[in-house]
Amino acid sequence: MGMIEQRDNTVRVRVRVQPRASRTEVAGEHDGALKVRVAAPPVDGAANDELVRFIARRVGVARSCVRIVSGEAGRSKVVEIEGVDVHSVRGALLDR
């Protein structure tokens, strides 16, 4: 799987999360994944919630359109975004 790829009407993004950052932001790439610093601890799903909120806001979709499909308990995750195309996701997450 590439870092960002189209799957039917969804886009999947490989993400490497760094919790407890000073602010939530995209921090480039790490080992073939999008590196995202998250300003939340990895406790009780707080980092996952912050990641979903951040991606939804950057891509411009509702939070309900973003879900973690793999790696919920680890730092390496696969996030699926519904109702978008790969070009808009790439632009929203990488071109800033």
Foldseek 3Di string as FASTA:
>chain_A
DAQWADDPQKIKHKEFEAECDPDWAFDQDDPRGTYIYHNHDLPPQGRVVRVLVVLCVLLVHDSVQKDWPDDSNHRITMIMGGRDHRVSSCCSRPVD
